[in-house]
Amino acid sequence: MKKMLFAALAIVTIGLVYAFVPNSNETATTSSKTEITEGAINWMTWDEAIKANEKAPKKIFIDFYTNWCGWCKRMDATTFADPSVAEYINKNYYAVKFNAEQKEDIVFQGTTFSFKRSDRGGVHTLAFELLDGRLGYPSYVYLQPNYERILISPGYKDVPMLQKELKFVAEEHYKTTTWEQFSNAY
């Protein structure tokens, strides 16, 4: 009886080990998705977007968030979940989801950007640079394919507001009009 109990326990233990061991085909980072779900934004890491932009230049949309940000979670659950928003972003931008408090270093154009601790927790220096030190979340940054910043946009956006902003940048209205003029006319 003890042998059968031991054999059964061994089989259950082996099964549990295999159930919780990551598949070798899975990516190591949670911020990157290799499959695009229909109707969902194809979020990339910073490095993935840079590599994709080198092959086929396109504007870059960066969503700066933190794990503790309630409005960031609401953006994910509402505005970013809208299929028309996802379709427009995927068509016109490389979309980067960037945790402004991430600890991993990023090397970009010969500079190493890293997490810097502060009294309030800290910030990743790439987020600090791209947001001009305005650390409110969520915040969005739009970049040209040559990485020149087009626009910093702070705060929660509902679907119509984000669609208007995405169009303002993608269609390059910012070159001929102000955001206020465009927003009032659209």
N, C-alpha and C. Protein backbone atom coordinates (compact mmCIF):
# COMPACT_ATOMS: atom_id res chain seq x y z
N MET A 1 0.81 -1.19 0.00
CA MET A 1 0.00 0.00 0.00
C MET A 1 0.86 1.26 0.00
N LYS A 2 1.94 1.24 0.80
CA LYS A 2 2.82 2.39 0.85
C LYS A 2 3.49 2.63 -0.50
N LYS A 3 3.82 1.54 -1.23
CA LYS A 3 4.46 1.68 -2.55
C LYS A 3 3.49 2.34 -3.54
N MET A 4 2.22 1.98 -3.49
CA MET A 4 1.24 2.56 -4.41
C MET A 4 1.01 4.04 -4.07
N LEU A 5 0.94 4.35 -2.79
CA LEU A 5 0.78 5.73 -2.36
C LEU A 5 1.98 6.57 -2.79
N PHE A 6 3.19 6.03 -2.61
CA PHE A 6 4.41 6.72 -3.02
C PHE A 6 4.43 6.92 -4.54
N ALA A 7 4.04 5.91 -5.32
CA ALA A 7 4.02 6.00 -6.79
C ALA A 7 3.01 7.06 -7.23
N ALA A 8 1.84 7.07 -6.61
CA ALA A 8 0.82 8.06 -6.96
C ALA A 8 1.29 9.47 -6.62
N LEU A 9 1.91 9.63 -5.46
CA LEU A 9 2.45 10.93 -5.07
C LEU A 9 3.54 11.39 -6.03
N ALA A 10 4.39 10.46 -6.46
CA ALA A 10 5.46 10.79 -7.41
C ALA A 10 4.88 11.25 -8.74
N ILE A 11 3.84 10.58 -9.22
CA ILE A 11 3.22 10.94 -10.50
C ILE A 11 2.57 12.33 -10.39
N VAL A 12 1.88 12.58 -9.30
CA VAL A 12 1.25 13.89 -9.10
C VAL A 12 2.31 14.98 -9.02
N THR A 13 3.39 14.73 -8.31
CA THR A 13 4.47 15.70 -8.19
C THR A 13 5.09 16.01 -9.54
N ILE A 14 5.37 14.99 -10.33
CA ILE A 14 5.94 15.21 -11.67
C ILE A 14 4.98 16.00 -12.53
N GLY A 15 3.70 15.66 -12.46
CA GLY A 15 2.69 16.40 -13.23
C GLY A 15 2.65 17.87 -12.85
N LEU A 16 2.72 18.16 -11.56
CA LEU A 16 2.71 19.55 -11.10
C LEU A 16 3.95 20.30 -11.56
N VAL A 17 5.10 19.63 -11.51
CA VAL A 17 6.33 20.27 -11.97
C VAL A 17 6.21 20.65 -13.43
N TYR A 18 5.73 19.74 -14.27
CA TYR A 18 5.59 20.04 -15.70
C TYR A 18 4.53 21.10 -15.95
N ALA A 19 3.50 21.14 -15.12
CA ALA A 19 2.44 22.13 -15.31
C ALA A 19 2.93 23.55 -15.07
N PHE A 20 3.92 23.71 -14.16
CA PHE A 20 4.37 25.05 -13.80
C PHE A 20 5.71 25.44 -14.38
N VAL A 21 6.34 24.57 -15.15
CA VAL A 21 7.59 24.91 -15.82
C VAL A 21 7.24 25.67 -17.09
N PRO A 22 7.83 26.85 -17.32
CA PRO A 22 7.50 27.62 -18.52
C PRO A 22 7.87 26.86 -19.79
N ASN A 23 7.04 27.05 -20.79
CA ASN A 23 7.29 26.47 -22.09
C ASN A 23 8.50 27.18 -22.70
N SER A 24 9.40 26.45 -23.29
CA SER A 24 10.62 27.06 -23.85
C SER A 24 10.31 27.97 -25.03
N ASN A 25 9.12 27.84 -25.62
CA ASN A 25 8.76 28.70 -26.74
C ASN A 25 8.18 30.03 -26.29
N GLU A 26 7.88 30.16 -24.97
CA GLU A 26 7.31 31.40 -24.48
C GLU A 26 8.39 32.46 -24.31
N THR A 27 8.01 33.70 -24.50
CA THR A 27 8.95 34.79 -24.32
C THR A 27 9.20 35.03 -22.83
N ALA A 28 10.36 35.53 -22.52
CA ALA A 28 10.74 35.73 -21.12
C ALA A 28 10.15 36.99 -20.52
N THR A 29 9.71 37.94 -21.35
CA THR A 29 9.19 39.18 -20.81
C THR A 29 7.67 39.21 -20.92
N THR A 30 7.03 39.79 -19.95
CA THR A 30 5.58 39.91 -19.99
C THR A 30 5.14 41.15 -20.76
N SER A 31 6.03 42.06 -21.04
CA SER A 31 5.65 43.28 -21.72
C SER A 31 5.61 43.13 -23.24
N SER A 32 6.00 41.99 -23.73
CA SER A 32 6.04 41.76 -25.16
C SER A 32 5.06 40.68 -25.55
N LYS A 33 4.37 40.87 -26.64
CA LYS A 33 3.46 39.85 -27.15
C LYS A 33 3.95 39.46 -28.54
N THR A 34 4.07 38.16 -28.75
CA THR A 34 4.52 37.73 -30.06
C THR A 34 3.34 37.51 -31.00
N GLU A 35 2.14 37.23 -30.46
CA GLU A 35 0.97 37.07 -31.29
C GLU A 35 0.09 38.30 -31.15
N ILE A 36 -0.47 38.73 -32.26
CA ILE A 36 -1.37 39.86 -32.23
C ILE A 36 -2.78 39.31 -32.15
N THR A 37 -3.50 39.66 -31.10
CA THR A 37 -4.88 39.26 -30.96
C THR A 37 -5.71 40.21 -31.80
N GLU A 38 -6.63 39.65 -32.58
CA GLU A 38 -7.45 40.48 -33.44
C GLU A 38 -8.22 41.50 -32.60
N GLY A 39 -8.20 42.75 -33.02
CA GLY A 39 -8.89 43.80 -32.28
C GLY A 39 -8.11 44.35 -31.11
N ALA A 40 -6.87 43.90 -30.93
CA ALA A 40 -6.05 44.35 -29.81
C ALA A 40 -4.83 45.11 -30.33
N ILE A 41 -4.33 46.00 -29.51
CA ILE A 41 -3.12 46.74 -29.87
C ILE A 41 -1.92 45.80 -29.83
N ASN A 42 -1.07 45.92 -30.81
CA ASN A 42 0.16 45.13 -30.85
C ASN A 42 1.22 45.87 -30.04
N TRP A 43 1.15 45.70 -28.72
CA TRP A 43 2.12 46.36 -27.85
C TRP A 43 3.49 45.73 -28.01
N MET A 44 4.51 46.56 -28.04
CA MET A 44 5.89 46.12 -28.18
C MET A 44 6.72 46.64 -27.02
N THR A 45 7.87 46.05 -26.83
CA THR A 45 8.85 46.63 -25.91
C THR A 45 9.54 47.76 -26.66
N TRP A 46 10.30 48.56 -25.94
CA TRP A 46 11.07 49.63 -26.57
C TRP A 46 12.01 49.04 -27.63
N ASP A 47 12.75 48.01 -27.26
CA ASP A 47 13.72 47.41 -28.19
C ASP A 47 13.04 46.83 -29.43
N GLU A 48 11.88 46.18 -29.25
CA GLU A 48 11.15 45.63 -30.40
C GLU A 48 10.72 46.74 -31.35
N ALA A 49 10.23 47.84 -30.81
CA ALA A 49 9.79 48.95 -31.65
C ALA A 49 10.96 49.57 -32.40
N ILE A 50 12.09 49.70 -31.75
CA ILE A 50 13.28 50.27 -32.40
C ILE A 50 13.72 49.37 -33.56
N LYS A 51 13.76 48.08 -33.32
CA LYS A 51 14.14 47.13 -34.39
C LYS A 51 13.15 47.17 -35.54
N ALA A 52 11.86 47.20 -35.24
CA ALA A 52 10.84 47.26 -36.29
C ALA A 52 10.95 48.57 -37.07
N ASN A 53 11.22 49.67 -36.37
CA ASN A 53 11.35 50.97 -37.01
C ASN A 53 12.57 51.03 -37.93
N GLU A 54 13.63 50.30 -37.57
CA GLU A 54 14.81 50.26 -38.44
C GLU A 54 14.50 49.57 -39.76
N LYS A 55 13.63 48.57 -39.72
CA LYS A 55 13.27 47.82 -40.94
C LYS A 55 12.23 48.56 -41.77
N ALA A 56 11.23 49.14 -41.11
CA ALA A 56 10.15 49.85 -41.79
C ALA A 56 9.75 51.06 -40.93
N PRO A 57 10.30 52.24 -41.23
CA PRO A 57 10.05 53.42 -40.40
C PRO A 57 8.56 53.77 -40.28
N LYS A 58 8.21 54.13 -39.06
CA LYS A 58 6.83 54.45 -38.73
C LYS A 58 6.85 55.29 -37.45
N LYS A 59 5.84 56.11 -37.25
CA LYS A 59 5.75 56.86 -35.99
C LYS A 59 5.61 55.88 -34.82
N ILE A 60 6.02 56.34 -33.64
CA ILE A 60 5.98 55.51 -32.43
C ILE A 60 5.06 56.16 -31.41
N PHE A 61 4.16 55.36 -30.85
CA PHE A 61 3.26 55.79 -29.79
C PHE A 61 3.69 55.07 -28.52
N ILE A 62 4.00 55.83 -27.46
CA ILE A 62 4.45 55.22 -26.21
C ILE A 62 3.44 55.52 -25.11
N ASP A 63 2.97 54.46 -24.47
CA ASP A 63 2.09 54.57 -23.31
C ASP A 63 2.95 54.40 -22.06
N PHE A 64 3.17 55.49 -21.33
CA PHE A 64 3.91 55.43 -20.07
C PHE A 64 2.92 55.18 -18.95
N TYR A 65 3.14 54.11 -18.21
CA TYR A 65 2.25 53.71 -17.13
C TYR A 65 3.07 53.28 -15.92
N THR A 66 2.39 53.04 -14.81
CA THR A 66 3.00 52.42 -13.64
C THR A 66 2.04 51.33 -13.15
N ASN A 67 2.57 50.42 -12.36
CA ASN A 67 1.74 49.32 -11.85
C ASN A 67 0.66 49.81 -10.88
N TRP A 68 0.88 50.93 -10.21
CA TRP A 68 -0.05 51.42 -9.20
C TRP A 68 -1.08 52.40 -9.76
N CYS A 69 -0.99 52.74 -11.02
CA CYS A 69 -1.82 53.79 -11.63
C CYS A 69 -3.22 53.26 -12.01
N GLY A 70 -4.22 53.74 -11.31
CA GLY A 70 -5.60 53.33 -11.60
C GLY A 70 -6.10 53.79 -12.96
N TRP A 71 -5.76 55.02 -13.35
CA TRP A 71 -6.19 55.53 -14.65
C TRP A 71 -5.51 54.78 -15.79
N CYS A 72 -4.30 54.30 -15.56
CA CYS A 72 -3.61 53.48 -16.57
C CYS A 72 -4.37 52.18 -16.80
N LYS A 73 -4.81 51.58 -15.71
CA LYS A 73 -5.58 50.33 -15.81
C LYS A 73 -6.91 50.57 -16.50
N ARG A 74 -7.50 51.72 -16.21
CA ARG A 74 -8.77 52.05 -16.88
C ARG A 74 -8.56 52.25 -18.38
N MET A 75 -7.46 52.89 -18.78
CA MET A 75 -7.14 53.05 -20.21
C MET A 75 -7.05 51.68 -20.88
N ASP A 76 -6.35 50.74 -20.22
CA ASP A 76 -6.21 49.39 -20.78
C ASP A 76 -7.56 48.71 -20.93
N ALA A 77 -8.44 48.89 -19.94
CA ALA A 77 -9.72 48.18 -19.92
C ALA A 77 -10.76 48.82 -20.84
N THR A 78 -10.60 50.10 -21.15
CA THR A 78 -11.62 50.79 -21.94
C THR A 78 -11.06 51.26 -23.29
N THR A 79 -10.37 52.36 -23.28
CA THR A 79 -9.93 53.00 -24.53
C THR A 79 -9.03 52.10 -25.36
N PHE A 80 -7.99 51.53 -24.74
CA PHE A 80 -7.08 50.67 -25.49
C PHE A 80 -7.73 49.35 -25.91
N ALA A 81 -8.83 48.98 -25.27
CA ALA A 81 -9.55 47.74 -25.61
C ALA A 81 -10.51 47.95 -26.78
N ASP A 82 -10.72 49.19 -27.18
CA ASP A 82 -11.65 49.48 -28.28
C ASP A 82 -11.03 49.02 -29.60
N PRO A 83 -11.72 48.18 -30.37
CA PRO A 83 -11.15 47.66 -31.63
C PRO A 83 -10.78 48.74 -32.64
N SER A 84 -11.55 49.84 -32.70
CA SER A 84 -11.21 50.89 -33.67
C SER A 84 -9.94 51.62 -33.27
N VAL A 85 -9.71 51.80 -31.98
CA VAL A 85 -8.47 52.41 -31.50
C VAL A 85 -7.30 51.49 -31.82
N ALA A 86 -7.46 50.21 -31.51
CA ALA A 86 -6.40 49.23 -31.77
C ALA A 86 -6.05 49.18 -33.25
N GLU A 87 -7.06 49.16 -34.09
CA GLU A 87 -6.81 49.09 -35.54
C GLU A 87 -6.05 50.33 -36.02
N TYR A 88 -6.44 51.50 -35.56
CA TYR A 88 -5.78 52.74 -36.00
C TYR A 88 -4.33 52.80 -35.50
N ILE A 89 -4.13 52.44 -34.24
CA ILE A 89 -2.77 52.45 -33.71
C ILE A 89 -1.90 51.44 -34.46
N ASN A 90 -2.38 50.22 -34.64
CA ASN A 90 -1.59 49.18 -35.32
C ASN A 90 -1.25 49.58 -36.75
N LYS A 91 -2.14 50.29 -37.41
CA LYS A 91 -1.92 50.70 -38.80
C LYS A 91 -0.90 51.84 -38.91
N ASN A 92 -0.94 52.78 -37.95
CA ASN A 92 -0.17 54.02 -38.10
C ASN A 92 1.04 54.17 -37.18
N TYR A 93 1.18 53.28 -36.20
CA TYR A 93 2.23 53.45 -35.20
C TYR A 93 2.85 52.11 -34.80
N TYR A 94 4.04 52.19 -34.24
CA TYR A 94 4.55 51.11 -33.41
C TYR A 94 4.16 51.51 -32.00
N ALA A 95 3.43 50.66 -31.32
CA ALA A 95 2.92 50.97 -29.99
C ALA A 95 3.81 50.34 -28.92
N VAL A 96 4.30 51.18 -28.02
CA VAL A 96 5.18 50.72 -26.93
C VAL A 96 4.46 50.91 -25.61
N LYS A 97 4.42 49.86 -24.82
CA LYS A 97 3.89 49.90 -23.46
C LYS A 97 5.11 49.97 -22.55
N PHE A 98 5.29 51.08 -21.84
CA PHE A 98 6.53 51.31 -21.09
C PHE A 98 6.22 51.60 -19.63
N ASN A 99 6.65 50.71 -18.75
CA ASN A 99 6.50 50.93 -17.32
C ASN A 99 7.54 51.98 -16.90
N ALA A 100 7.07 53.13 -16.49
CA ALA A 100 7.96 54.25 -16.14
C ALA A 100 8.80 53.97 -14.90
N GLU A 101 8.50 52.87 -14.21
CA GLU A 101 9.27 52.49 -13.02
C GLU A 101 10.00 51.15 -13.22
N GLN A 102 10.16 50.75 -14.47
CA GLN A 102 10.84 49.47 -14.72
C GLN A 102 12.30 49.55 -14.31
N LYS A 103 12.85 48.44 -13.92
CA LYS A 103 14.22 48.39 -13.38
C LYS A 103 15.27 48.03 -14.44
N GLU A 104 14.85 47.48 -15.58
CA GLU A 104 15.81 47.04 -16.59
C GLU A 104 16.42 48.23 -17.34
N ASP A 105 17.73 48.17 -17.55
CA ASP A 105 18.42 49.19 -18.34
C ASP A 105 18.02 49.10 -19.80
N ILE A 106 18.06 50.23 -20.47
CA ILE A 106 17.84 50.29 -21.92
C ILE A 106 19.00 51.07 -22.51
N VAL A 107 19.64 50.47 -23.50
CA VAL A 107 20.71 51.16 -24.21
C VAL A 107 20.11 51.63 -25.53
N PHE A 108 20.17 52.94 -25.76
CA PHE A 108 19.61 53.53 -26.97
C PHE A 108 20.52 54.63 -27.46
N GLN A 109 20.94 54.51 -28.71
CA GLN A 109 21.80 55.49 -29.36
C GLN A 109 23.02 55.82 -28.50
N GLY A 110 23.64 54.79 -27.94
CA GLY A 110 24.88 54.94 -27.20
C GLY A 110 24.72 55.40 -25.76
N THR A 111 23.50 55.59 -25.31
CA THR A 111 23.25 56.02 -23.93
C THR A 111 22.53 54.92 -23.18
N THR A 112 22.95 54.69 -21.94
CA THR A 112 22.27 53.71 -21.10
C THR A 112 21.29 54.45 -20.20
N PHE A 113 20.03 54.08 -20.31
CA PHE A 113 18.96 54.64 -19.48
C PHE A 113 18.63 53.60 -18.43
N SER A 114 18.47 54.04 -17.18
CA SER A 114 18.26 53.09 -16.09
C SER A 114 17.28 53.65 -15.06
N PHE A 115 16.91 52.83 -14.12
CA PHE A 115 16.02 53.22 -13.05
C PHE A 115 16.79 54.03 -12.02
N LYS A 116 16.22 55.13 -11.61
CA LYS A 116 16.82 55.98 -10.57
C LYS A 116 15.85 56.07 -9.40
N ARG A 117 16.31 55.67 -8.23
CA ARG A 117 15.50 55.74 -7.02
C ARG A 117 15.34 57.20 -6.58
N SER A 118 14.20 57.46 -5.92
CA SER A 118 13.96 58.78 -5.34
C SER A 118 13.11 58.59 -4.08
N ASP A 119 12.81 59.67 -3.42
CA ASP A 119 11.98 59.61 -2.22
C ASP A 119 10.60 59.02 -2.51
N ARG A 120 10.12 59.22 -3.71
CA ARG A 120 8.78 58.75 -4.09
C ARG A 120 8.82 57.42 -4.84
N GLY A 121 9.88 56.69 -4.77
CA GLY A 121 9.99 55.40 -5.45
C GLY A 121 11.06 55.41 -6.52
N GLY A 122 10.84 56.18 -7.56
CA GLY A 122 11.83 56.27 -8.62
C GLY A 122 11.20 56.32 -9.99
N VAL A 123 12.07 56.48 -10.98
CA VAL A 123 11.62 56.56 -12.37
C VAL A 123 12.73 56.06 -13.28
N HIS A 124 12.33 55.49 -14.39
CA HIS A 124 13.30 55.10 -15.41
C HIS A 124 13.72 56.37 -16.16
N THR A 125 15.00 56.54 -16.38
CA THR A 125 15.48 57.79 -16.97
C THR A 125 15.02 57.99 -18.41
N LEU A 126 14.70 56.92 -19.14
CA LEU A 126 14.16 57.10 -20.50
C LEU A 126 12.77 57.73 -20.42
N ALA A 127 11.96 57.29 -19.47
CA ALA A 127 10.64 57.90 -19.27
C ALA A 127 10.80 59.36 -18.87
N PHE A 128 11.71 59.64 -17.94
CA PHE A 128 11.95 61.00 -17.49
C PHE A 128 12.34 61.90 -18.67
N GLU A 129 13.24 61.42 -19.52
CA GLU A 129 13.70 62.22 -20.68
C GLU A 129 12.57 62.46 -21.68
N LEU A 130 11.85 61.40 -22.04
CA LEU A 130 10.82 61.55 -23.07
C LEU A 130 9.62 62.35 -22.58
N LEU A 131 9.38 62.34 -21.27
CA LEU A 131 8.27 63.11 -20.70
C LEU A 131 8.69 64.49 -20.21
N ASP A 132 9.93 64.88 -20.47
CA ASP A 132 10.45 66.17 -20.01
C ASP A 132 10.27 66.35 -18.51
N GLY A 133 10.40 65.26 -17.77
CA GLY A 133 10.30 65.32 -16.32
C GLY A 133 8.89 65.46 -15.78
N ARG A 134 7.88 65.50 -16.65
CA ARG A 134 6.47 65.60 -16.22
C ARG A 134 5.94 64.19 -15.97
N LEU A 135 6.04 63.76 -14.73
CA LEU A 135 5.80 62.36 -14.40
C LEU A 135 4.39 62.10 -13.88
N GLY A 136 3.40 62.35 -14.69
CA GLY A 136 2.02 62.00 -14.39
C GLY A 136 1.63 60.82 -15.27
N TYR A 137 0.81 59.94 -14.73
CA TYR A 137 0.47 58.73 -15.47
C TYR A 137 -1.04 58.54 -15.50
N PRO A 138 -1.54 58.05 -16.63
CA PRO A 138 -0.80 57.70 -17.84
C PRO A 138 -0.38 58.95 -18.60
N SER A 139 0.65 58.80 -19.39
CA SER A 139 1.10 59.83 -20.32
C SER A 139 1.52 59.14 -21.60
N TYR A 140 1.38 59.86 -22.69
CA TYR A 140 1.68 59.29 -24.00
C TYR A 140 2.67 60.22 -24.71
N VAL A 141 3.59 59.60 -25.42
CA VAL A 141 4.55 60.35 -26.21
C VAL A 141 4.48 59.82 -27.63
N TYR A 142 4.45 60.75 -28.57
CA TYR A 142 4.46 60.42 -30.00
C TYR A 142 5.82 60.80 -30.55
N LEU A 143 6.45 59.88 -31.26
CA LEU A 143 7.77 60.13 -31.84
C LEU A 143 7.72 59.98 -33.36
N GLN A 144 8.55 60.78 -34.02
CA GLN A 144 8.80 60.60 -35.45
C GLN A 144 9.60 59.30 -35.65
N PRO A 145 9.65 58.76 -36.85
CA PRO A 145 10.49 57.60 -37.09
C PRO A 145 11.98 57.85 -36.78
N ASN A 146 12.41 59.12 -36.80
CA ASN A 146 13.80 59.45 -36.45
C ASN A 146 13.95 59.73 -34.95
N TYR A 147 12.90 59.43 -34.17
CA TYR A 147 12.86 59.53 -32.70
C TYR A 147 12.75 60.95 -32.18
N GLU A 148 12.47 61.92 -33.04
CA GLU A 148 12.18 63.27 -32.56
C GLU A 148 10.78 63.27 -31.96
N ARG A 149 10.64 63.89 -30.83
CA ARG A 149 9.34 63.93 -30.16
C ARG A 149 8.41 64.88 -30.90
N ILE A 150 7.19 64.43 -31.10
CA ILE A 150 6.14 65.24 -31.72
C ILE A 150 5.27 65.88 -30.65
N LEU A 151 4.88 65.06 -29.67
CA LEU A 151 3.87 65.50 -28.71
C LEU A 151 3.97 64.69 -27.42
N ILE A 152 3.77 65.36 -26.30
CA ILE A 152 3.57 64.71 -25.00
C ILE A 152 2.11 64.94 -24.64
N SER A 153 1.41 63.88 -24.28
CA SER A 153 -0.01 63.99 -23.96
C SER A 153 -0.31 63.28 -22.64
N PRO A 154 -0.56 64.03 -21.57
CA PRO A 154 -0.83 63.40 -20.28
C PRO A 154 -2.32 63.09 -20.08
N GLY A 155 -2.58 62.09 -19.24
CA GLY A 155 -3.92 61.86 -18.73
C GLY A 155 -4.74 60.81 -19.45
N TYR A 156 -5.78 60.40 -18.76
CA TYR A 156 -6.74 59.44 -19.30
C TYR A 156 -7.47 60.06 -20.49
N LYS A 157 -7.69 59.24 -21.52
CA LYS A 157 -8.41 59.69 -22.71
C LYS A 157 -9.52 58.69 -23.01
N ASP A 158 -10.72 59.18 -23.27
CA ASP A 158 -11.76 58.27 -23.74
C ASP A 158 -11.52 58.00 -25.22
N VAL A 159 -12.32 57.11 -25.80
CA VAL A 159 -12.09 56.69 -27.19
C VAL A 159 -12.12 57.87 -28.16
N PRO A 160 -13.17 58.73 -28.16
CA PRO A 160 -13.17 59.83 -29.14
C PRO A 160 -11.97 60.78 -29.00
N MET A 161 -11.57 61.07 -27.76
CA MET A 161 -10.44 61.99 -27.55
C MET A 161 -9.14 61.38 -28.05
N LEU A 162 -8.91 60.10 -27.73
CA LEU A 162 -7.67 59.47 -28.20
C LEU A 162 -7.67 59.34 -29.71
N GLN A 163 -8.80 58.99 -30.30
CA GLN A 163 -8.87 58.88 -31.77
C GLN A 163 -8.52 60.21 -32.43
N LYS A 164 -9.02 61.29 -31.87
CA LYS A 164 -8.73 62.62 -32.41
C LYS A 164 -7.23 62.91 -32.32
N GLU A 165 -6.65 62.60 -31.17
CA GLU A 165 -5.22 62.85 -30.97
C GLU A 165 -4.37 61.98 -31.89
N LEU A 166 -4.73 60.71 -32.02
CA LEU A 166 -3.99 59.80 -32.91
C LEU A 166 -4.02 60.32 -34.35
N LYS A 167 -5.17 60.79 -34.78
CA LYS A 167 -5.32 61.33 -36.13
C LYS A 167 -4.50 62.61 -36.31
N PHE A 168 -4.53 63.48 -35.31
CA PHE A 168 -3.77 64.73 -35.34
C PHE A 168 -2.29 64.46 -35.62
N VAL A 169 -1.74 63.42 -34.99
CA VAL A 169 -0.33 63.10 -35.17
C VAL A 169 -0.10 62.28 -36.43
N ALA A 170 -0.87 61.22 -36.64
CA ALA A 170 -0.63 60.32 -37.78
C ALA A 170 -0.77 61.04 -39.11
N GLU A 171 -1.75 61.92 -39.19
CA GLU A 171 -1.99 62.65 -40.44
C GLU A 171 -1.22 63.96 -40.52
N GLU A 172 -0.37 64.20 -39.54
CA GLU A 172 0.55 65.33 -39.49
C GLU A 172 -0.14 66.69 -39.52
N HIS A 173 -1.31 66.77 -38.90
CA HIS A 173 -2.00 68.06 -38.78
C HIS A 173 -1.21 69.02 -37.90
N TYR A 174 -0.38 68.48 -37.01
CA TYR A 174 0.43 69.31 -36.12
C TYR A 174 1.41 70.20 -36.89
N LYS A 175 1.66 69.87 -38.15
CA LYS A 175 2.58 70.68 -38.95
C LYS A 175 1.93 71.97 -39.45
N THR A 176 0.59 72.00 -39.51
CA THR A 176 -0.09 73.16 -40.08
C THR A 176 -1.07 73.85 -39.14
N THR A 177 -1.35 73.22 -37.99
CA THR A 177 -2.32 73.81 -37.08
C THR A 177 -1.97 73.44 -35.63
N THR A 178 -2.53 74.19 -34.70
CA THR A 178 -2.32 73.87 -33.30
C THR A 178 -3.31 72.79 -32.88
N TRP A 179 -3.02 72.15 -31.75
CA TRP A 179 -3.93 71.14 -31.22
C TRP A 179 -5.29 71.74 -30.90
N GLU A 180 -5.30 72.95 -30.33
CA GLU A 180 -6.54 73.61 -29.97
C GLU A 180 -7.41 73.86 -31.21
N GLN A 181 -6.80 74.36 -32.29
CA GLN A 181 -7.54 74.62 -33.52
C GLN A 181 -8.07 73.31 -34.11
N PHE A 182 -7.24 72.29 -34.15
CA PHE A 182 -7.63 71.00 -34.70
C PHE A 182 -8.74 70.39 -33.85
N SER A 183 -8.58 70.44 -32.54
CA SER A 183 -9.54 69.83 -31.62
C SER A 183 -10.91 70.49 -31.73
N ASN A 184 -10.92 71.80 -31.88
CA ASN A 184 -12.20 72.52 -32.01
C ASN A 184 -12.87 72.28 -33.35
N ALA A 185 -12.09 72.05 -34.39
CA ALA A 185 -12.64 71.86 -35.74
C ALA A 185 -13.05 70.41 -35.99
N TYR A 186 -12.49 69.48 -35.27
CA TYR A 186 -12.74 68.05 -35.53
C TYR A 186 -13.93 67.54 -34.76
